[in-house]
Amino acid sequence: MPNFDDYTSSSAANSSERPVWMSGLDDATAKTWVRAIEAAEMPGLGDGPYQKELAELLESDSATQFTSLQRSGLWLLAGDLDRSHTISQDEGSSEGSFWHGIMHRREGDFGNAKYWFRRVGRHSILSDLSGMYPELHADADEFVDNVARAVRSGQIVDECLAVQWTEWQWLMNVS
């Protein structure tokens, strides 16, 4: 897994050594989560890989310190799309739709992913991703198409993974 990046979306500033979304955790708990995330494999563009250590941590009491949408994102990272889906489908917010769209994109239901990204509406993260990755993410629909193409052809996979990792980090900060 790549380390957490030191750049952030305009929607969430990060000036500490740990991600903004972990700012409410004590140092020991935050280190445990950072270590588990950094030890995990990069999540694929599709389903998996399953991250046992991260999934076990999500079952611990420390996971209750995160918002439900952050837990949805962490379940995606752990490779459990069903657990993520159970949470995100019940959230009516823009961020809930965003996580829902990511989950459907990863499961390969690209049309449904586009539907959920349309429900996100205008979101600063989508604009910021377009600015950072204009060749892959002019908008959410184009990125879904690029992921579908990468999954089918095996081309531009690393590039799509980089966008997805940035997307995940930024969305965790605002969820």
N, C-alpha and C. Protein backbone atom coordinates (compact mmCIF):
# COMPACT_ATOMS: atom_id res chain seq x y z
N MET A 1 0.85 -1.17 0.00
CA MET A 1 0.00 0.00 0.00
C MET A 1 0.89 1.22 0.00
N PRO A 2 0.57 2.19 -0.81
CA PRO A 2 1.34 3.44 -0.74
C PRO A 2 1.06 4.14 0.58
N ASN A 3 1.99 4.96 0.98
CA ASN A 3 1.79 5.76 2.19
C ASN A 3 0.73 6.81 1.92
N PHE A 4 0.26 7.40 3.01
CA PHE A 4 -0.67 8.51 2.85
C PHE A 4 0.07 9.64 2.17
N ASP A 5 -0.59 10.28 1.24
CA ASP A 5 0.02 11.37 0.49
C ASP A 5 0.02 12.64 1.31
N ASP A 6 0.94 13.54 0.98
CA ASP A 6 1.01 14.79 1.72
C ASP A 6 0.24 15.91 1.02
N TYR A 7 -0.49 15.58 -0.04
CA TYR A 7 -1.34 16.58 -0.67
C TYR A 7 -2.79 16.25 -0.33
N THR A 8 -3.60 17.26 -0.33
CA THR A 8 -5.00 17.04 0.03
C THR A 8 -5.92 17.73 -0.96
N SER A 9 -7.14 17.33 -0.92
CA SER A 9 -8.18 18.01 -1.68
C SER A 9 -8.42 19.37 -1.06
N SER A 10 -8.92 20.29 -1.84
CA SER A 10 -9.24 21.60 -1.30
C SER A 10 -10.33 21.52 -0.24
N SER A 11 -11.04 20.42 -0.19
CA SER A 11 -12.13 20.30 0.77
C SER A 11 -11.67 19.85 2.15
N ALA A 12 -10.40 19.52 2.31
CA ALA A 12 -9.91 19.11 3.63
C ALA A 12 -8.41 19.32 3.71
N ALA A 13 -7.99 20.24 4.54
CA ALA A 13 -6.57 20.51 4.70
C ALA A 13 -5.95 19.51 5.68
N ASN A 14 -4.72 19.11 5.40
CA ASN A 14 -4.02 18.14 6.23
C ASN A 14 -2.64 18.67 6.54
N SER A 15 -2.45 19.15 7.76
CA SER A 15 -1.15 19.69 8.13
C SER A 15 -0.44 18.83 9.16
N SER A 16 -1.04 17.74 9.59
CA SER A 16 -0.41 16.89 10.59
C SER A 16 0.24 15.69 9.92
N GLU A 17 0.89 14.87 10.74
CA GLU A 17 1.56 13.68 10.21
C GLU A 17 0.59 12.55 9.90
N ARG A 18 -0.58 12.62 10.46
CA ARG A 18 -1.57 11.58 10.18
C ARG A 18 -2.73 12.20 9.41
N PRO A 19 -3.51 11.35 8.76
CA PRO A 19 -4.63 11.87 7.97
C PRO A 19 -5.61 12.67 8.82
N VAL A 20 -6.21 13.66 8.23
CA VAL A 20 -7.19 14.51 8.91
C VAL A 20 -8.27 13.67 9.57
N TRP A 21 -8.75 12.66 8.88
CA TRP A 21 -9.86 11.87 9.40
C TRP A 21 -9.50 11.08 10.65
N MET A 22 -8.23 11.02 11.00
CA MET A 22 -7.80 10.35 12.23
C MET A 22 -7.48 11.34 13.34
N SER A 23 -7.78 12.61 13.14
CA SER A 23 -7.39 13.64 14.11
C SER A 23 -8.04 13.45 15.48
N GLY A 24 -9.17 12.79 15.56
CA GLY A 24 -9.82 12.58 16.85
C GLY A 24 -9.32 11.38 17.62
N LEU A 25 -8.40 10.62 17.04
CA LEU A 25 -7.88 9.43 17.70
C LEU A 25 -6.68 9.76 18.56
N ASP A 26 -6.50 9.00 19.64
CA ASP A 26 -5.27 9.17 20.41
C ASP A 26 -4.11 8.61 19.57
N ASP A 27 -2.88 8.98 19.93
CA ASP A 27 -1.71 8.63 19.12
C ASP A 27 -1.55 7.12 18.92
N ALA A 28 -1.73 6.34 19.98
CA ALA A 28 -1.54 4.90 19.87
C ALA A 28 -2.56 4.27 18.93
N THR A 29 -3.82 4.70 19.04
CA THR A 29 -4.88 4.15 18.18
C THR A 29 -4.63 4.56 16.73
N ALA A 30 -4.28 5.82 16.52
CA ALA A 30 -4.00 6.29 15.16
C ALA A 30 -2.85 5.50 14.54
N LYS A 31 -1.80 5.27 15.30
CA LYS A 31 -0.65 4.50 14.79
C LYS A 31 -1.07 3.09 14.40
N THR A 32 -1.94 2.48 15.20
CA THR A 32 -2.42 1.13 14.88
C THR A 32 -3.15 1.13 13.54
N TRP A 33 -4.02 2.12 13.33
CA TRP A 33 -4.77 2.20 12.07
C TRP A 33 -3.85 2.51 10.90
N VAL A 34 -2.94 3.46 11.06
CA VAL A 34 -2.01 3.80 9.97
C VAL A 34 -1.17 2.58 9.61
N ARG A 35 -0.67 1.88 10.60
CA ARG A 35 0.14 0.69 10.36
C ARG A 35 -0.66 -0.37 9.60
N ALA A 36 -1.91 -0.60 9.99
CA ALA A 36 -2.74 -1.61 9.32
C ALA A 36 -3.05 -1.21 7.88
N ILE A 37 -3.32 0.06 7.67
CA ILE A 37 -3.62 0.53 6.31
C ILE A 37 -2.38 0.45 5.43
N GLU A 38 -1.25 0.89 5.96
CA GLU A 38 -0.03 0.87 5.15
C GLU A 38 0.49 -0.55 4.92
N ALA A 39 0.11 -1.50 5.78
CA ALA A 39 0.51 -2.90 5.59
C ALA A 39 -0.38 -3.62 4.59
N ALA A 40 -1.55 -3.06 4.34
CA ALA A 40 -2.51 -3.71 3.43
C ALA A 40 -2.04 -3.59 1.98
N GLU A 41 -2.51 -4.49 1.17
CA GLU A 41 -2.26 -4.39 -0.26
C GLU A 41 -3.11 -3.27 -0.83
N MET A 42 -2.64 -2.70 -1.92
CA MET A 42 -3.43 -1.69 -2.62
C MET A 42 -4.74 -2.32 -3.04
N PRO A 43 -5.87 -1.67 -2.73
CA PRO A 43 -7.14 -2.23 -3.19
C PRO A 43 -7.17 -2.25 -4.71
N GLY A 44 -7.73 -3.30 -5.24
CA GLY A 44 -7.80 -3.41 -6.69
C GLY A 44 -8.88 -2.53 -7.28
N LEU A 45 -8.94 -2.52 -8.60
CA LEU A 45 -10.01 -1.80 -9.28
C LEU A 45 -11.31 -2.59 -9.21
N GLY A 46 -11.20 -3.86 -8.92
CA GLY A 46 -12.36 -4.71 -8.76
C GLY A 46 -12.50 -5.15 -7.32
N ASP A 47 -13.10 -6.28 -7.12
CA ASP A 47 -13.32 -6.83 -5.79
C ASP A 47 -11.99 -7.34 -5.24
N GLY A 48 -11.70 -7.00 -3.99
CA GLY A 48 -10.51 -7.52 -3.32
C GLY A 48 -9.31 -6.64 -3.51
N PRO A 49 -8.18 -7.06 -3.01
CA PRO A 49 -7.98 -8.25 -2.19
C PRO A 49 -8.52 -8.05 -0.77
N TYR A 50 -8.86 -9.16 -0.12
CA TYR A 50 -9.37 -9.11 1.24
C TYR A 50 -8.21 -8.88 2.20
N GLN A 51 -8.36 -7.93 3.09
CA GLN A 51 -7.33 -7.55 4.06
C GLN A 51 -7.76 -7.99 5.45
N LYS A 52 -7.32 -9.16 5.87
CA LYS A 52 -7.77 -9.75 7.13
C LYS A 52 -7.46 -8.86 8.33
N GLU A 53 -6.25 -8.34 8.43
CA GLU A 53 -5.85 -7.52 9.58
C GLU A 53 -6.73 -6.27 9.68
N LEU A 54 -6.97 -5.63 8.56
CA LEU A 54 -7.79 -4.43 8.54
C LEU A 54 -9.25 -4.77 8.89
N ALA A 55 -9.76 -5.89 8.38
CA ALA A 55 -11.12 -6.31 8.69
C ALA A 55 -11.27 -6.60 10.18
N GLU A 56 -10.28 -7.24 10.76
CA GLU A 56 -10.33 -7.52 12.21
C GLU A 56 -10.31 -6.22 13.01
N LEU A 57 -9.52 -5.27 12.58
CA LEU A 57 -9.47 -3.98 13.26
C LEU A 57 -10.82 -3.25 13.14
N LEU A 58 -11.48 -3.41 12.01
CA LEU A 58 -12.80 -2.81 11.83
C LEU A 58 -13.85 -3.41 12.76
N GLU A 59 -13.59 -4.60 13.25
CA GLU A 59 -14.51 -5.25 14.21
C GLU A 59 -14.19 -4.82 15.65
N SER A 60 -13.11 -4.09 15.86
CA SER A 60 -12.71 -3.69 17.21
C SER A 60 -13.45 -2.43 17.66
N ASP A 61 -13.35 -2.15 18.95
CA ASP A 61 -14.00 -0.97 19.52
C ASP A 61 -13.46 0.33 18.92
N SER A 62 -12.20 0.34 18.52
CA SER A 62 -11.62 1.59 18.00
C SER A 62 -12.30 2.05 16.71
N ALA A 63 -12.91 1.13 15.98
CA ALA A 63 -13.60 1.50 14.72
C ALA A 63 -14.83 2.36 14.99
N THR A 64 -15.39 2.28 16.17
CA THR A 64 -16.57 3.07 16.49
C THR A 64 -16.26 4.56 16.59
N GLN A 65 -14.98 4.92 16.62
CA GLN A 65 -14.59 6.33 16.68
C GLN A 65 -14.70 7.00 15.31
N PHE A 66 -14.90 6.22 14.26
CA PHE A 66 -15.05 6.76 12.92
C PHE A 66 -16.52 6.94 12.60
N THR A 67 -16.80 7.84 11.67
CA THR A 67 -18.17 8.00 11.21
C THR A 67 -18.58 6.74 10.43
N SER A 68 -19.87 6.58 10.23
CA SER A 68 -20.32 5.42 9.47
C SER A 68 -19.75 5.43 8.05
N LEU A 69 -19.66 6.61 7.44
CA LEU A 69 -19.12 6.67 6.07
C LEU A 69 -17.62 6.39 6.05
N GLN A 70 -16.90 6.78 7.08
CA GLN A 70 -15.49 6.42 7.14
C GLN A 70 -15.35 4.90 7.28
N ARG A 71 -16.22 4.29 8.05
CA ARG A 71 -16.19 2.82 8.15
C ARG A 71 -16.53 2.19 6.79
N SER A 72 -17.45 2.80 6.04
CA SER A 72 -17.75 2.30 4.70
C SER A 72 -16.48 2.32 3.84
N GLY A 73 -15.75 3.43 3.90
CA GLY A 73 -14.49 3.53 3.16
C GLY A 73 -13.46 2.53 3.63
N LEU A 74 -13.38 2.32 4.92
CA LEU A 74 -12.42 1.34 5.46
C LEU A 74 -12.79 -0.08 5.05
N TRP A 75 -14.10 -0.39 5.00
CA TRP A 75 -14.51 -1.71 4.51
C TRP A 75 -14.13 -1.90 3.04
N LEU A 76 -14.24 -0.82 2.24
CA LEU A 76 -13.78 -0.91 0.85
C LEU A 76 -12.29 -1.23 0.81
N LEU A 77 -11.54 -0.54 1.64
CA LEU A 77 -10.10 -0.75 1.69
C LEU A 77 -9.77 -2.17 2.15
N ALA A 78 -10.58 -2.70 3.06
CA ALA A 78 -10.38 -4.06 3.55
C ALA A 78 -10.83 -5.11 2.53
N GLY A 79 -11.48 -4.67 1.46
CA GLY A 79 -11.90 -5.60 0.42
C GLY A 79 -13.23 -6.26 0.68
N ASP A 80 -14.03 -5.71 1.58
CA ASP A 80 -15.35 -6.26 1.85
C ASP A 80 -16.40 -5.30 1.28
N LEU A 81 -16.69 -5.47 0.00
CA LEU A 81 -17.61 -4.57 -0.68
C LEU A 81 -19.02 -4.64 -0.11
N ASP A 82 -19.44 -5.83 0.32
CA ASP A 82 -20.80 -5.96 0.86
C ASP A 82 -20.97 -5.15 2.14
N ARG A 83 -19.98 -5.19 3.03
CA ARG A 83 -20.07 -4.43 4.28
C ARG A 83 -20.08 -2.93 3.98
N SER A 84 -19.26 -2.50 3.04
CA SER A 84 -19.24 -1.10 2.64
C SER A 84 -20.60 -0.69 2.07
N HIS A 85 -21.15 -1.54 1.22
CA HIS A 85 -22.43 -1.26 0.57
C HIS A 85 -23.55 -1.12 1.59
N THR A 86 -23.57 -1.99 2.58
CA THR A 86 -24.60 -1.94 3.61
C THR A 86 -24.64 -0.57 4.29
N ILE A 87 -23.48 0.02 4.48
CA ILE A 87 -23.41 1.33 5.14
C ILE A 87 -23.77 2.44 4.15
N SER A 88 -23.10 2.47 3.00
CA SER A 88 -23.25 3.61 2.10
C SER A 88 -24.64 3.72 1.48
N GLN A 89 -25.32 2.60 1.27
CA GLN A 89 -26.63 2.66 0.63
C GLN A 89 -27.68 3.33 1.51
N ASP A 90 -27.41 3.39 2.81
CA ASP A 90 -28.38 4.01 3.72
C ASP A 90 -28.06 5.46 4.03
N GLU A 91 -27.02 6.00 3.43
CA GLU A 91 -26.62 7.39 3.66
C GLU A 91 -27.10 8.25 2.51
N GLY A 92 -27.91 9.23 2.79
CA GLY A 92 -28.46 10.08 1.74
C GLY A 92 -27.58 11.25 1.34
N SER A 93 -26.43 11.39 1.97
CA SER A 93 -25.56 12.53 1.69
C SER A 93 -24.81 12.35 0.38
N SER A 94 -24.22 13.43 -0.06
CA SER A 94 -23.36 13.40 -1.24
C SER A 94 -22.21 12.41 -1.05
N GLU A 95 -21.62 12.43 0.14
CA GLU A 95 -20.50 11.52 0.42
C GLU A 95 -20.97 10.06 0.46
N GLY A 96 -22.20 9.83 0.96
CA GLY A 96 -22.75 8.47 0.94
C GLY A 96 -22.91 7.97 -0.48
N SER A 97 -23.41 8.84 -1.36
CA SER A 97 -23.53 8.47 -2.77
C SER A 97 -22.16 8.24 -3.40
N PHE A 98 -21.17 9.03 -2.98
CA PHE A 98 -19.81 8.89 -3.50
C PHE A 98 -19.26 7.50 -3.14
N TRP A 99 -19.34 7.12 -1.86
CA TRP A 99 -18.86 5.79 -1.45
C TRP A 99 -19.64 4.69 -2.16
N HIS A 100 -20.95 4.90 -2.31
CA HIS A 100 -21.80 3.93 -2.99
C HIS A 100 -21.33 3.75 -4.44
N GLY A 101 -21.03 4.87 -5.10
CA GLY A 101 -20.54 4.81 -6.48
C GLY A 101 -19.21 4.08 -6.59
N ILE A 102 -18.30 4.35 -5.66
CA ILE A 102 -17.01 3.66 -5.67
C ILE A 102 -17.22 2.15 -5.50
N MET A 103 -18.10 1.77 -4.57
CA MET A 103 -18.35 0.35 -4.33
C MET A 103 -18.87 -0.32 -5.59
N HIS A 104 -19.83 0.30 -6.28
CA HIS A 104 -20.36 -0.31 -7.50
C HIS A 104 -19.32 -0.33 -8.61
N ARG A 105 -18.48 0.69 -8.67
CA ARG A 105 -17.39 0.68 -9.67
C ARG A 105 -16.46 -0.49 -9.40
N ARG A 106 -16.11 -0.72 -8.13
CA ARG A 106 -15.21 -1.82 -7.80
C ARG A 106 -15.84 -3.18 -8.03
N GLU A 107 -17.14 -3.28 -7.89
CA GLU A 107 -17.77 -4.58 -8.13
C GLU A 107 -17.99 -4.84 -9.62
N GLY A 108 -17.71 -3.83 -10.45
CA GLY A 108 -17.84 -3.99 -11.89
C GLY A 108 -19.21 -3.65 -12.43
N ASP A 109 -20.06 -3.05 -11.60
CA ASP A 109 -21.39 -2.62 -12.05
C ASP A 109 -21.26 -1.15 -12.46
N PHE A 110 -20.67 -0.93 -13.62
CA PHE A 110 -20.26 0.40 -14.05
C PHE A 110 -21.44 1.34 -14.31
N GLY A 111 -22.52 0.83 -14.84
CA GLY A 111 -23.70 1.67 -15.06
C GLY A 111 -24.28 2.17 -13.74
N ASN A 112 -24.36 1.29 -12.76
CA ASN A 112 -24.88 1.66 -11.45
C ASN A 112 -23.92 2.64 -10.77
N ALA A 113 -22.63 2.45 -10.96
CA ALA A 113 -21.64 3.39 -10.40
C ALA A 113 -21.89 4.79 -10.94
N LYS A 114 -22.11 4.89 -12.25
CA LYS A 114 -22.37 6.20 -12.85
C LYS A 114 -23.63 6.84 -12.27
N TYR A 115 -24.65 6.03 -12.04
CA TYR A 115 -25.89 6.54 -11.44
C TYR A 115 -25.57 7.18 -10.09
N TRP A 116 -24.81 6.48 -9.24
CA TRP A 116 -24.51 7.00 -7.91
C TRP A 116 -23.60 8.21 -7.97
N PHE A 117 -22.68 8.25 -8.93
CA PHE A 117 -21.84 9.45 -9.07
C PHE A 117 -22.67 10.65 -9.53
N ARG A 118 -23.69 10.42 -10.34
CA ARG A 118 -24.58 11.53 -10.71
C ARG A 118 -25.31 12.05 -9.47
N ARG A 119 -25.64 11.16 -8.54
CA ARG A 119 -26.31 11.59 -7.31
C ARG A 119 -25.37 12.37 -6.39
N VAL A 120 -24.07 12.21 -6.57
CA VAL A 120 -23.11 12.98 -5.77
C VAL A 120 -23.30 14.46 -6.06
N GLY A 121 -23.56 14.79 -7.31
CA GLY A 121 -23.69 16.19 -7.71
C GLY A 121 -22.33 16.85 -7.82
N ARG A 122 -22.33 18.16 -7.66
CA ARG A 122 -21.08 18.92 -7.75
C ARG A 122 -20.35 18.77 -6.42
N HIS A 123 -19.20 18.16 -6.44
CA HIS A 123 -18.43 17.91 -5.22
C HIS A 123 -17.00 18.37 -5.46
N SER A 124 -16.44 19.05 -4.47
CA SER A 124 -15.08 19.58 -4.64
C SER A 124 -14.07 18.47 -4.92
N ILE A 125 -14.27 17.29 -4.39
CA ILE A 125 -13.32 16.20 -4.64
C ILE A 125 -13.34 15.82 -6.11
N LEU A 126 -14.51 15.79 -6.72
CA LEU A 126 -14.58 15.48 -8.15
C LEU A 126 -13.83 16.54 -8.96
N SER A 127 -14.01 17.80 -8.60
CA SER A 127 -13.29 18.89 -9.29
C SER A 127 -11.79 18.76 -9.08
N ASP A 128 -11.40 18.48 -7.84
CA ASP A 128 -9.97 18.37 -7.53
C ASP A 128 -9.33 17.18 -8.25
N LEU A 129 -10.06 16.06 -8.34
CA LEU A 129 -9.53 14.91 -9.08
C LEU A 129 -9.38 15.25 -10.56
N SER A 130 -10.33 15.99 -11.10
CA SER A 130 -10.23 16.41 -12.50
C SER A 130 -9.02 17.31 -12.72
N GLY A 131 -8.74 18.16 -11.76
CA GLY A 131 -7.57 19.03 -11.87
C GLY A 131 -6.26 18.28 -11.74
N MET A 132 -6.22 17.28 -10.88
CA MET A 132 -4.99 16.53 -10.65
C MET A 132 -4.76 15.46 -11.71
N TYR A 133 -5.83 14.86 -12.21
CA TYR A 133 -5.74 13.76 -13.17
C TYR A 133 -6.61 14.05 -14.40
N PRO A 134 -6.35 15.13 -15.13
CA PRO A 134 -7.24 15.51 -16.23
C PRO A 134 -7.31 14.46 -17.35
N GLU A 135 -6.26 13.68 -17.52
CA GLU A 135 -6.26 12.70 -18.60
C GLU A 135 -7.09 11.46 -18.27
N LEU A 136 -7.40 11.23 -17.00
CA LEU A 136 -8.17 10.06 -16.59
C LEU A 136 -9.51 10.40 -15.96
N HIS A 137 -9.62 11.59 -15.40
CA HIS A 137 -10.78 11.91 -14.57
C HIS A 137 -11.32 13.30 -14.91
N ALA A 138 -11.67 13.51 -16.17
CA ALA A 138 -12.30 14.78 -16.53
C ALA A 138 -13.61 14.93 -15.76
N ASP A 139 -14.27 13.81 -15.53
CA ASP A 139 -15.45 13.76 -14.67
C ASP A 139 -15.61 12.31 -14.19
N ALA A 140 -16.55 12.09 -13.28
CA ALA A 140 -16.70 10.76 -12.67
C ALA A 140 -17.05 9.70 -13.71
N ASP A 141 -17.90 10.04 -14.69
CA ASP A 141 -18.27 9.07 -15.72
C ASP A 141 -17.06 8.63 -16.54
N GLU A 142 -16.22 9.60 -16.88
CA GLU A 142 -15.02 9.24 -17.65
C GLU A 142 -14.12 8.31 -16.84
N PHE A 143 -14.00 8.58 -15.54
CA PHE A 143 -13.15 7.70 -14.73
C PHE A 143 -13.75 6.30 -14.63
N VAL A 144 -15.06 6.19 -14.48
CA VAL A 144 -15.69 4.87 -14.48
C VAL A 144 -15.38 4.15 -15.79
N ASP A 145 -15.48 4.86 -16.92
CA ASP A 145 -15.16 4.25 -18.22
C ASP A 145 -13.69 3.83 -18.29
N ASN A 146 -12.80 4.65 -17.75
CA ASN A 146 -11.38 4.30 -17.76
C ASN A 146 -11.10 3.09 -16.88
N VAL A 147 -11.77 2.99 -15.74
CA VAL A 147 -11.60 1.80 -14.89
C VAL A 147 -12.12 0.57 -15.62
N ALA A 148 -13.27 0.68 -16.26
CA ALA A 148 -13.82 -0.46 -17.01
C ALA A 148 -12.83 -0.90 -18.09
N ARG A 149 -12.25 0.07 -18.78
CA ARG A 149 -11.27 -0.23 -19.83
C ARG A 149 -10.03 -0.89 -19.23
N ALA A 150 -9.58 -0.40 -18.10
CA ALA A 150 -8.40 -0.96 -17.44
C ALA A 150 -8.66 -2.40 -17.00
N VAL A 151 -9.83 -2.64 -16.45
CA VAL A 151 -10.18 -3.99 -16.00
C VAL A 151 -10.22 -4.96 -17.19
N ARG A 152 -10.79 -4.51 -18.31
CA ARG A 152 -10.90 -5.38 -19.49
C ARG A 152 -9.55 -5.60 -20.18
N SER A 153 -8.75 -4.53 -20.30
CA SER A 153 -7.55 -4.61 -21.14
C SER A 153 -6.25 -4.82 -20.36
N GLY A 154 -6.27 -4.51 -19.06
CA GLY A 154 -5.04 -4.58 -18.28
C GLY A 154 -4.14 -3.37 -18.49
N GLN A 155 -4.60 -2.41 -19.30
CA GLN A 155 -3.82 -1.19 -19.53
C GLN A 155 -4.31 -0.09 -18.60
N ILE A 156 -3.47 0.86 -18.32
CA ILE A 156 -3.68 2.02 -17.44
C ILE A 156 -4.16 1.64 -16.03
N VAL A 157 -3.89 0.40 -15.62
CA VAL A 157 -4.31 -0.05 -14.30
C VAL A 157 -3.63 0.76 -13.21
N ASP A 158 -2.30 0.89 -13.28
CA ASP A 158 -1.58 1.63 -12.24
C ASP A 158 -2.04 3.08 -12.15
N GLU A 159 -2.32 3.68 -13.28
CA GLU A 159 -2.79 5.06 -13.30
C GLU A 159 -4.16 5.18 -12.63
N CYS A 160 -5.04 4.24 -12.93
CA CYS A 160 -6.37 4.24 -12.31
C CYS A 160 -6.28 3.95 -10.81
N LEU A 161 -5.37 3.08 -10.42
CA LEU A 161 -5.17 2.80 -9.00
C LEU A 161 -4.71 4.06 -8.26
N ALA A 162 -3.85 4.84 -8.88
CA ALA A 162 -3.39 6.08 -8.25
C ALA A 162 -4.55 7.06 -8.03
N VAL A 163 -5.41 7.19 -9.04
CA VAL A 163 -6.58 8.06 -8.90
C VAL A 163 -7.48 7.54 -7.78
N GLN A 164 -7.72 6.25 -7.78
CA GLN A 164 -8.61 5.64 -6.78
C GLN A 164 -8.05 5.84 -5.37
N TRP A 165 -6.74 5.71 -5.18
CA TRP A 165 -6.13 5.88 -3.86
C TRP A 165 -6.26 7.34 -3.41
N THR A 166 -6.06 8.29 -4.31
CA THR A 166 -6.23 9.70 -3.98
C THR A 166 -7.69 9.97 -3.61
N GLU A 167 -8.60 9.46 -4.42
CA GLU A 167 -10.03 9.61 -4.19
C GLU A 167 -10.41 9.10 -2.80
N TRP A 168 -9.91 7.92 -2.46
CA TRP A 168 -10.22 7.31 -1.16
C TRP A 168 -9.73 8.21 -0.02
N GLN A 169 -8.48 8.66 -0.11
CA GLN A 169 -7.92 9.49 0.96
C GLN A 169 -8.71 10.78 1.13
N TRP A 170 -9.02 11.45 0.03
CA TRP A 170 -9.73 12.71 0.12
C TRP A 170 -11.14 12.53 0.65
N LEU A 171 -11.80 11.47 0.21
CA LEU A 171 -13.17 11.24 0.68
C LEU A 171 -13.20 10.87 2.15
N MET A 172 -12.19 10.17 2.63
CA MET A 172 -12.12 9.86 4.07
C MET A 172 -12.07 11.15 4.89
N ASN A 173 -11.39 12.17 4.38
CA ASN A 173 -11.24 13.42 5.11
C ASN A 173 -12.55 14.19 5.28
N VAL A 174 -13.50 13.96 4.41
CA VAL A 174 -14.75 14.75 4.48
C VAL A 174 -15.97 13.89 4.85
N SER A 175 -15.75 12.63 5.10
CA SER A 175 -16.89 11.72 5.39
C SER A 175 -17.26 11.71 6.85
